[in-house]
Amino acid sequence: MILGVNIRNFDAFVDDTIGLMIEDSGKFVGHDVSDRGIRLRNMNALIGRNNTGKSAFIRALSFVKRCILSDVGKACVVDNRPGFMNLLIDDTKPASFRIFFRILDKETGKSDFLQYELTIGARKSGSPYILEEKVLSSVKDGDGTVIGEIFENSENMRLVTDDKITALSVLGKLNGSDKAVRQVYDEMNGWFFCAFSAEESSDYFSSGNAPGAHKHLNSEGSNLGNVLDYLKSLGEDKYEEVISDINSKIPALRKRRKNLPENLQGSPEKLFKYLLLLQDPDPKTTIFIETPDRDLYHDMVDVLADEMREFTLRHPYSQIIFSTHNPYIVETMSPKEIWVFTRDFDDESDSYPPVKIRCAGEDPVVNELFAQGVGMGAIWYGGHLDEGSEEYDEKGNNNAH
């Protein structure tokens, strides 16, 4: 799972960090991150007004995965991206991404703390190339935390001859590579960018043009029928068990515990897709969702929020990162799980308002309200998470006038 991300000179981000980076790993006592620091958690909500960087953050990490799975040239133009030079804030400087992970070592059963760093430059022609790439490890020893370099791929130390292909994409697939490199590759390969709430989705699968059984849902959820076929192939009992369990959780179907052959028999299809995704026996490492509450009635939002929480409890090394404008879905979350994105568009002195990201758990008033039993949805609705509602100095003293 991701503990922190730093993005520089890309899309909406000049130099912005969410969570903790590897240089902060010395704060972890015995590498126990259960309650150490303001880091990304198993469940994270990104909130804020429109155009404050929430979607841009998810798009940036989707771009990094594209770089790993294909190459940096293709990553700049797929998914409606406008080309590398148009993604840079300052086209004289490179873009860089640093991602700090906590990953389960399946051999030892312990946590490994690894950071992946990718810097992409542009040639005079505007085409992108890999300027530098690293994997770092944070190790706890008797004298403290030691940060070691697993590998470096740069202009002066090229591990892969094609400078548009990441070394991670090559080394991460080789059994002979360092275990840490393979762990980082598998972690990022397991990212899932959910687009069930996208305005438009293809009906290619649902219209019957691509028959066959699929083990996992795709990003759009357009292969739902194929996944149901896969469940049926596991046996009627297994299929009925999964479908009945999901039916029992969807408010409109609680009194109709039937299987779902005919277009889900009137089921709210979007909620069904989310619940099926969260029941996948081979869970994704990180699930990114933009506005999962879109088009869902409030009682369905409650069901989805509960099921997302259950997913993170069943899979402690997986996480969900979602953006939302809906207070209902964050009501039972904690301040440490909510990240507020803001931009000051009223500042006429700044032609490009920078993104500001803060964790609600850094606000002493929010923490006190939460400790008194006030839900985060109510705290948000009350205006306590909005920019400028309160101002604090470094010691947490209220400086608002």
Protein backbone atom coordinates (compact mmCIF):
# COMPACT_ATOMS: atom_id res chain seq x y z
CA MET A 1 0.00 0.00 0.00
CA ILE A 2 1.02 3.60 -0.57
CA LEU A 3 2.20 5.61 2.43
CA GLY A 4 3.01 8.81 0.55
CA VAL A 5 3.39 10.44 -2.85
CA ASN A 6 5.40 13.44 -4.03
CA ILE A 7 4.71 14.93 -7.49
CA ARG A 8 6.74 17.72 -9.07
CA ASN A 9 6.09 19.78 -12.18
CA PHE A 10 3.27 17.66 -13.53
CA ASP A 11 -0.33 18.59 -14.33
CA ALA A 12 -1.61 20.60 -11.33
CA PHE A 13 1.34 19.89 -9.03
CA VAL A 14 4.37 22.16 -8.66
CA ASP A 15 5.92 20.26 -5.75
CA ASP A 16 3.27 18.59 -3.62
CA THR A 17 3.32 15.74 -1.12
CA ILE A 18 0.50 13.69 0.33
CA GLY A 19 1.42 11.41 3.23
CA LEU A 20 4.95 10.42 4.31
CA MET A 21 8.05 9.78 2.21
CA ILE A 22 11.01 7.48 2.82
CA GLU A 23 13.00 10.23 4.52
CA ASP A 24 10.27 10.28 7.18
CA SER A 25 10.53 6.54 7.85
CA GLY A 26 12.77 7.16 10.86
CA LYS A 27 9.61 8.30 12.65
CA PHE A 28 8.30 4.75 12.62
CA VAL A 29 9.15 3.07 15.90
CA GLY A 30 10.34 -0.41 15.01
CA HIS A 31 8.83 0.22 11.58
CA ASP A 32 5.35 0.03 13.12
CA VAL A 33 3.22 2.39 11.03
CA SER A 34 -0.09 1.54 12.67
CA ASP A 35 -0.50 5.04 14.07
CA ARG A 36 2.67 6.91 13.12
CA GLY A 37 2.53 10.23 11.34
CA ILE A 38 0.15 11.71 8.83
CA ARG A 39 0.41 9.06 6.15
CA LEU A 40 -1.96 7.57 3.61
CA ARG A 41 -4.13 4.96 5.27
CA ASN A 42 -5.94 1.87 4.07
CA MET A 43 -8.95 4.04 3.26
CA ASN A 44 -8.51 7.62 2.06
CA ALA A 45 -10.99 10.26 0.91
CA LEU A 46 -9.85 13.18 -1.25
CA ILE A 47 -12.16 16.16 -0.79
CA GLY A 48 -12.21 19.76 -1.96
CA ARG A 49 -13.89 22.05 -4.44
CA ASN A 50 -13.75 21.52 -8.19
CA ASN A 51 -10.38 22.01 -9.93
CA THR A 52 -8.36 21.68 -6.73
CA GLY A 53 -6.33 18.67 -7.86
CA LYS A 54 -8.25 15.59 -6.66
CA SER A 55 -8.77 14.09 -10.10
CA ALA A 56 -5.35 15.32 -11.20
CA PHE A 57 -3.76 13.32 -8.36
CA ILE A 58 -5.47 10.11 -9.48
CA ARG A 59 -4.60 10.85 -13.12
CA ALA A 60 -0.95 11.39 -12.20
CA LEU A 61 -0.66 7.96 -10.59
CA SER A 62 -2.50 6.42 -13.55
CA PHE A 63 0.14 8.04 -15.75
CA VAL A 64 2.95 6.47 -13.69
CA LYS A 65 1.37 3.02 -14.04
CA ARG A 66 1.08 3.56 -17.79
CA CYS A 67 4.80 4.37 -17.87
CA ILE A 68 5.52 1.07 -16.12
CA LEU A 69 3.23 -1.08 -18.26
CA SER A 70 4.12 0.45 -21.65
CA ASP A 71 6.54 3.36 -22.12
CA VAL A 72 6.64 7.06 -21.30
CA GLY A 73 5.87 8.10 -24.87
CA LYS A 74 2.61 6.18 -25.03
CA ALA A 75 1.68 7.12 -21.47
CA CYS A 76 1.63 10.81 -22.47
CA VAL A 77 -1.04 10.40 -25.13
CA VAL A 78 -3.36 7.58 -23.96
CA ASP A 79 -6.36 8.21 -21.69
CA ASN A 80 -6.95 11.57 -23.45
CA ARG A 81 -3.61 13.02 -22.27
CA PRO A 82 -2.42 15.98 -24.39
CA GLY A 83 1.27 15.07 -24.76
CA PHE A 84 4.17 15.43 -22.37
CA MET A 85 4.98 19.12 -22.91
CA ASN A 86 1.36 20.03 -22.19
CA LEU A 87 1.50 18.11 -18.92
CA LEU A 88 4.45 20.10 -17.56
CA ILE A 89 3.98 23.29 -15.55
CA ASP A 90 7.50 24.49 -16.39
CA ASP A 91 8.57 22.97 -19.71
CA THR A 92 12.23 23.73 -18.94
CA LYS A 93 12.23 21.27 -16.05
CA PRO A 94 11.53 17.53 -15.78
CA ALA A 95 8.55 15.93 -14.09
CA SER A 96 9.21 13.66 -11.14
CA PHE A 97 7.25 11.19 -9.05
CA ARG A 98 8.22 9.62 -5.73
CA ILE A 99 6.01 6.91 -4.20
CA PHE A 100 6.65 5.36 -0.79
CA PHE A 101 5.24 1.87 -0.16
CA ARG A 102 4.64 -0.52 2.69
CA ILE A 103 4.64 -3.99 1.12
CA LEU A 104 4.11 -7.40 2.68
CA ASP A 105 7.12 -9.70 2.33
CA LYS A 106 5.33 -13.00 1.77
CA GLU A 107 8.46 -14.96 2.74
CA THR A 108 8.96 -13.36 6.16
CA GLY A 109 5.44 -12.07 6.85
CA LYS A 110 6.91 -8.66 7.71
CA SER A 111 6.59 -5.22 6.13
CA ASP A 112 9.13 -3.90 3.63
CA PHE A 113 9.37 -0.12 3.15
CA LEU A 114 10.34 0.76 -0.41
CA GLN A 115 10.26 3.93 -2.49
CA TYR A 116 10.06 4.20 -6.26
CA GLU A 117 11.32 7.38 -7.95
CA LEU A 118 10.81 8.31 -11.60
CA THR A 119 12.05 11.48 -13.31
CA ILE A 120 11.04 12.20 -16.90
CA GLY A 121 12.70 14.85 -19.03
CA ALA A 122 11.93 16.27 -22.47
CA ARG A 123 14.16 16.54 -25.50
CA LYS A 124 14.22 19.68 -27.65
CA SER A 125 11.66 18.01 -29.87
CA GLY A 126 9.35 17.70 -26.87
CA SER A 127 9.45 13.91 -26.73
CA PRO A 128 9.77 12.44 -23.20
CA TYR A 129 12.54 10.18 -21.96
CA ILE A 130 13.56 8.67 -18.62
CA LEU A 131 16.06 10.95 -16.95
CA GLU A 132 16.39 9.00 -13.70
CA GLU A 133 14.79 6.04 -11.97
CA LYS A 134 15.45 4.55 -8.52
CA VAL A 135 14.20 2.04 -6.00
CA LEU A 136 15.16 2.79 -2.40
CA SER A 137 14.78 0.69 0.75
CA SER A 138 14.29 1.80 4.34
CA VAL A 139 15.77 -0.66 6.82
CA LYS A 140 15.65 -0.49 10.62
CA ASP A 141 18.85 -1.44 12.42
CA GLY A 142 20.25 -0.94 15.90
CA ASP A 143 21.43 2.60 15.21
CA GLY A 144 18.27 3.80 13.51
CA THR A 145 16.78 3.83 10.04
CA VAL A 146 19.06 3.34 7.05
CA ILE A 147 17.97 4.27 3.52
CA GLY A 148 19.69 2.13 0.91
CA GLU A 149 19.61 2.22 -2.87
CA ILE A 150 18.41 -0.97 -4.60
CA PHE A 151 19.05 0.20 -8.14
CA GLU A 152 19.43 3.35 -10.23
CA ASN A 153 18.71 3.82 -13.91
CA SER A 154 19.83 7.20 -15.24
CA GLU A 155 21.53 8.84 -18.21
CA ASN A 156 24.92 8.08 -16.68
CA MET A 157 24.00 4.57 -15.54
CA ARG A 158 21.60 3.17 -18.13
CA LEU A 159 20.32 -0.31 -17.28
CA VAL A 160 17.91 -0.39 -20.21
CA THR A 161 19.05 0.87 -23.61
CA ASP A 162 15.65 2.25 -24.62
CA ASP A 163 15.27 5.44 -22.57
CA LYS A 164 11.49 5.45 -22.97
CA ILE A 165 11.11 2.13 -21.15
CA THR A 166 11.47 1.99 -17.37
CA ALA A 167 13.98 -0.38 -15.87
CA LEU A 168 11.27 -1.38 -13.39
CA SER A 169 9.11 -2.71 -16.23
CA VAL A 170 11.96 -5.01 -17.28
CA LEU A 171 13.57 -5.99 -13.96
CA GLY A 172 10.23 -6.36 -12.20
CA LYS A 173 9.36 -9.33 -14.42
CA LEU A 174 12.64 -11.22 -13.98
CA ASN A 175 12.96 -13.91 -11.34
CA GLY A 176 16.67 -13.14 -11.00
CA SER A 177 16.07 -9.49 -10.11
CA ASP A 178 16.28 -8.10 -6.61
CA LYS A 179 13.22 -9.07 -4.60
CA ALA A 180 12.52 -5.45 -3.68
CA VAL A 181 12.33 -4.46 -7.35
CA ARG A 182 9.87 -7.25 -8.08
CA GLN A 183 7.81 -6.25 -5.05
CA VAL A 184 7.51 -2.65 -6.24
CA TYR A 185 6.58 -3.77 -9.75
CA ASP A 186 3.90 -6.17 -8.47
CA GLU A 187 2.53 -3.48 -6.16
CA MET A 188 2.13 -0.93 -8.96
CA ASN A 189 0.87 -3.54 -11.41
CA GLY A 190 -1.89 -4.23 -8.89
CA TRP A 191 -3.23 -0.65 -8.97
CA PHE A 192 -6.82 -0.49 -10.23
CA PHE A 193 -8.28 2.73 -11.60
CA CYS A 194 -12.01 2.31 -11.36
CA ALA A 195 -14.16 4.14 -13.91
CA PHE A 196 -17.57 2.70 -13.04
CA SER A 197 -18.81 6.26 -12.51
CA ALA A 198 -17.48 7.56 -15.83
CA GLU A 199 -19.97 9.49 -17.91
CA GLU A 200 -19.52 7.18 -20.88
CA SER A 201 -18.51 3.54 -20.97
CA SER A 202 -18.28 1.07 -23.79
CA ASP A 203 -21.08 -1.45 -24.31
CA TYR A 204 -18.75 -3.74 -26.25
CA PHE A 205 -18.86 -6.52 -23.69
CA SER A 206 -22.44 -6.04 -22.48
CA SER A 207 -23.75 -6.15 -26.04
CA GLY A 208 -22.36 -9.66 -26.44
CA ASN A 209 -19.52 -8.87 -28.85
CA ALA A 210 -16.87 -10.48 -26.66
CA PRO A 211 -18.20 -13.67 -25.08
CA GLY A 212 -16.19 -15.67 -22.58
CA ALA A 213 -15.37 -15.83 -18.89
CA HIS A 214 -13.25 -13.11 -17.28
CA LYS A 215 -11.80 -13.53 -13.79
CA HIS A 216 -11.72 -9.80 -12.95
CA LEU A 217 -13.74 -6.69 -13.76
CA ASN A 218 -12.13 -4.21 -16.10
CA SER A 219 -11.83 -0.51 -15.23
CA GLU A 220 -15.17 0.42 -16.78
CA GLY A 221 -16.98 -2.64 -15.43
CA SER A 222 -18.20 -3.26 -18.98
CA ASN A 223 -17.31 -6.96 -18.77
CA LEU A 224 -19.70 -7.63 -15.88
CA GLY A 225 -21.48 -10.37 -17.81
CA ASN A 226 -18.15 -12.05 -18.51
CA VAL A 227 -17.25 -12.05 -14.81
CA LEU A 228 -20.63 -13.55 -13.96
CA ASP A 229 -19.88 -16.27 -16.53
CA TYR A 230 -16.58 -16.94 -14.73
CA LEU A 231 -18.38 -17.26 -11.41
CA LYS A 232 -20.80 -19.72 -12.97
CA SER A 233 -17.84 -21.77 -14.22
CA LEU A 234 -16.74 -22.22 -10.61
CA GLY A 235 -20.00 -24.00 -9.87
CA GLU A 236 -23.60 -23.08 -9.31
CA ASP A 237 -23.19 -23.10 -5.52
CA LYS A 238 -20.31 -20.59 -5.64
CA TYR A 239 -22.18 -18.37 -8.08
CA GLU A 240 -25.33 -18.40 -5.96
CA GLU A 241 -23.34 -17.70 -2.79
CA VAL A 242 -21.67 -14.58 -4.25
CA ILE A 243 -24.81 -13.23 -5.95
CA SER A 244 -27.04 -13.83 -2.93
CA ASP A 245 -24.54 -12.11 -0.63
CA ILE A 246 -24.39 -9.02 -2.87
CA ASN A 247 -28.19 -9.02 -3.31
CA SER A 248 -28.68 -9.01 0.45
CA LYS A 249 -26.64 -5.80 0.74
CA ILE A 250 -28.33 -3.80 -2.02
CA PRO A 251 -31.31 -1.97 -0.49
CA ALA A 252 -33.58 -2.42 -3.53
CA LEU A 253 -33.00 -6.18 -3.57
CA ARG A 254 -33.04 -7.14 0.11
CA LYS A 255 -36.47 -8.71 -0.32
CA ARG A 256 -35.60 -10.32 -3.67
CA ARG A 257 -32.91 -12.88 -2.99
CA LYS A 258 -32.71 -14.20 -6.55
CA ASN A 259 -29.91 -14.83 -9.01
CA LEU A 260 -29.23 -12.19 -11.61
CA PRO A 261 -29.39 -13.50 -15.18
CA GLU A 262 -31.76 -10.99 -16.85
CA ASN A 263 -29.87 -7.66 -16.76
CA LEU A 264 -29.37 -8.08 -12.99
CA GLN A 265 -33.17 -8.17 -12.58
CA GLY A 266 -33.42 -4.45 -11.98
CA SER A 267 -30.45 -4.27 -9.62
CA PRO A 268 -28.66 -0.91 -9.29
CA GLU A 269 -25.90 -2.05 -11.61
CA LYS A 270 -23.24 0.41 -10.46
CA LEU A 271 -23.45 -0.60 -6.79
CA PHE A 272 -23.44 -4.24 -7.83
CA LYS A 273 -20.18 -3.69 -9.72
CA TYR A 274 -18.54 -2.04 -6.72
CA LEU A 275 -19.57 -4.85 -4.39
CA LEU A 276 -18.36 -7.47 -6.85
CA LEU A 277 -15.01 -5.67 -7.18
CA LEU A 278 -14.60 -5.57 -3.40
CA GLN A 279 -15.29 -9.31 -3.16
CA ASP A 280 -12.54 -10.24 -5.63
CA PRO A 281 -10.55 -13.07 -3.95
CA ASP A 282 -7.38 -11.69 -5.57
CA PRO A 283 -7.59 -8.11 -4.25
CA LYS A 284 -6.01 -5.13 -5.95
CA THR A 285 -3.16 -3.45 -4.08
CA THR A 286 -4.71 0.01 -4.39
CA ILE A 287 -8.14 0.87 -5.80
CA PHE A 288 -8.55 4.44 -7.08
CA ILE A 289 -12.12 5.68 -7.57
CA GLU A 290 -13.41 9.07 -8.67
CA THR A 291 -16.76 9.95 -7.03
CA PRO A 292 -17.93 6.40 -6.22
CA ASP A 293 -21.13 7.91 -4.77
CA ARG A 294 -22.24 9.39 -8.10
CA ASP A 295 -25.81 8.36 -9.00
CA LEU A 296 -26.20 6.30 -5.82
CA TYR A 297 -29.10 6.94 -3.43
CA HIS A 298 -28.03 7.76 0.13
CA ASP A 299 -28.77 4.30 1.54
CA MET A 300 -26.63 2.80 -1.24
CA VAL A 301 -23.81 5.20 -0.34
CA ASP A 302 -23.97 3.85 3.22
CA VAL A 303 -23.70 0.27 1.94
CA LEU A 304 -20.74 1.14 -0.30
CA ALA A 305 -18.91 2.94 2.53
CA ASP A 306 -19.38 -0.06 4.83
CA GLU A 307 -18.16 -2.50 2.18
CA MET A 308 -15.08 -0.41 1.38
CA ARG A 309 -14.21 -0.44 5.08
CA GLU A 310 -14.72 -4.22 5.24
CA PHE A 311 -12.40 -4.63 2.24
CA THR A 312 -9.56 -2.78 3.99
CA LEU A 313 -10.06 -4.81 7.16
CA ARG A 314 -9.92 -8.10 5.25
CA HIS A 315 -6.87 -6.98 3.27
CA PRO A 316 -4.61 -4.88 5.55
CA TYR A 317 -1.98 -4.39 2.82
CA SER A 318 -4.52 -3.09 0.30
CA GLN A 319 -6.11 0.34 0.23
CA ILE A 320 -8.78 2.49 -1.36
CA ILE A 321 -8.24 6.10 -2.46
CA PHE A 322 -11.35 7.91 -3.66
CA SER A 323 -12.49 11.45 -4.39
CA THR A 324 -15.89 12.72 -3.35
CA HIS A 325 -18.13 15.74 -2.78
CA ASN A 326 -20.57 13.75 -0.63
CA PRO A 327 -20.43 14.10 3.20
CA TYR A 328 -22.41 10.87 3.65
CA ILE A 329 -19.61 8.59 2.45
CA VAL A 330 -17.02 10.02 4.88
CA GLU A 331 -19.28 10.15 7.95
CA THR A 332 -17.66 7.14 9.69
CA MET A 333 -14.10 7.84 8.56
CA SER A 334 -11.47 9.34 10.86
CA PRO A 335 -9.70 12.72 10.40
CA LYS A 336 -6.48 10.89 9.47
CA GLU A 337 -8.22 9.32 6.48
CA ILE A 338 -9.42 12.55 4.87
CA TRP A 339 -7.24 14.75 2.65
CA VAL A 340 -8.35 18.28 1.78
CA PHE A 341 -7.30 19.76 -1.58
CA THR A 342 -7.46 23.55 -2.04
CA ARG A 343 -6.33 26.22 -4.52
CA ASP A 344 -6.56 29.99 -4.16
CA PHE A 345 -8.03 31.11 -7.47
CA ASP A 346 -8.72 34.58 -6.01
CA ASP A 347 -5.01 35.36 -5.70
CA GLU A 348 -4.47 37.63 -8.74
CA SER A 349 -0.71 37.73 -8.10
CA ASP A 350 -0.38 34.05 -8.99
CA SER A 351 -1.22 33.10 -12.58
CA TYR A 352 -1.03 29.40 -11.66
CA PRO A 353 -2.57 28.86 -8.20
CA PRO A 354 -0.67 26.06 -6.46
CA VAL A 355 -2.41 23.03 -5.03
CA LYS A 356 -2.39 22.71 -1.26
CA ILE A 357 -2.97 19.31 0.34
CA ARG A 358 -3.53 18.85 4.04
CA CYS A 359 -4.80 16.02 6.20
CA ALA A 360 -7.87 16.75 8.31
CA GLY A 361 -6.05 14.94 11.12
CA GLU A 362 -3.63 17.87 11.37
CA ASP A 363 -6.42 20.18 12.55
CA PRO A 364 -6.82 20.19 16.37
CA VAL A 365 -10.41 21.48 16.21
CA VAL A 366 -11.43 18.70 13.82
CA ASN A 367 -9.74 16.12 16.05
CA GLU A 368 -11.53 17.47 19.11
CA LEU A 369 -14.93 17.44 17.40
CA PHE A 370 -14.32 13.89 16.21
CA ALA A 371 -13.26 12.83 19.72
CA GLN A 372 -16.54 14.24 21.02
CA GLY A 373 -18.46 11.94 18.68
CA VAL A 374 -19.17 14.25 15.76
CA GLY A 375 -18.94 12.40 12.44
CA MET A 376 -16.62 13.58 9.69
CA GLY A 377 -19.53 14.18 7.33
CA ALA A 378 -21.10 16.56 9.84
CA ILE A 379 -17.74 18.23 10.48
CA TRP A 380 -17.27 18.75 6.75
CA TYR A 381 -20.85 19.99 6.28
CA GLY A 382 -20.26 22.42 9.14
CA GLY A 383 -17.43 24.06 7.19
CA HIS A 384 -14.56 22.97 9.43
CA LEU A 385 -12.62 21.41 6.55
CA ASP A 386 -12.88 24.38 4.19
CA GLU A 387 -9.82 26.51 3.46
CA GLY A 388 -9.71 29.56 5.69
CA SER A 389 -12.31 28.33 8.19
CA GLU A 390 -9.59 28.20 10.83
CA GLU A 391 -5.92 29.17 10.86
CA TYR A 392 -3.32 27.60 13.12
CA ASP A 393 0.32 28.18 13.83
CA GLU A 394 2.85 25.37 14.04
CA LYS A 395 1.83 24.62 17.63
CA GLY A 396 -1.86 24.28 16.77
CA ASN A 397 -2.94 27.61 18.30
CA ASN A 398 -5.96 29.27 16.70
CA ASN A 399 -4.91 32.47 14.93
CA ALA A 400 -8.23 33.24 13.23
CA HIS A 401 -9.64 36.73 13.79
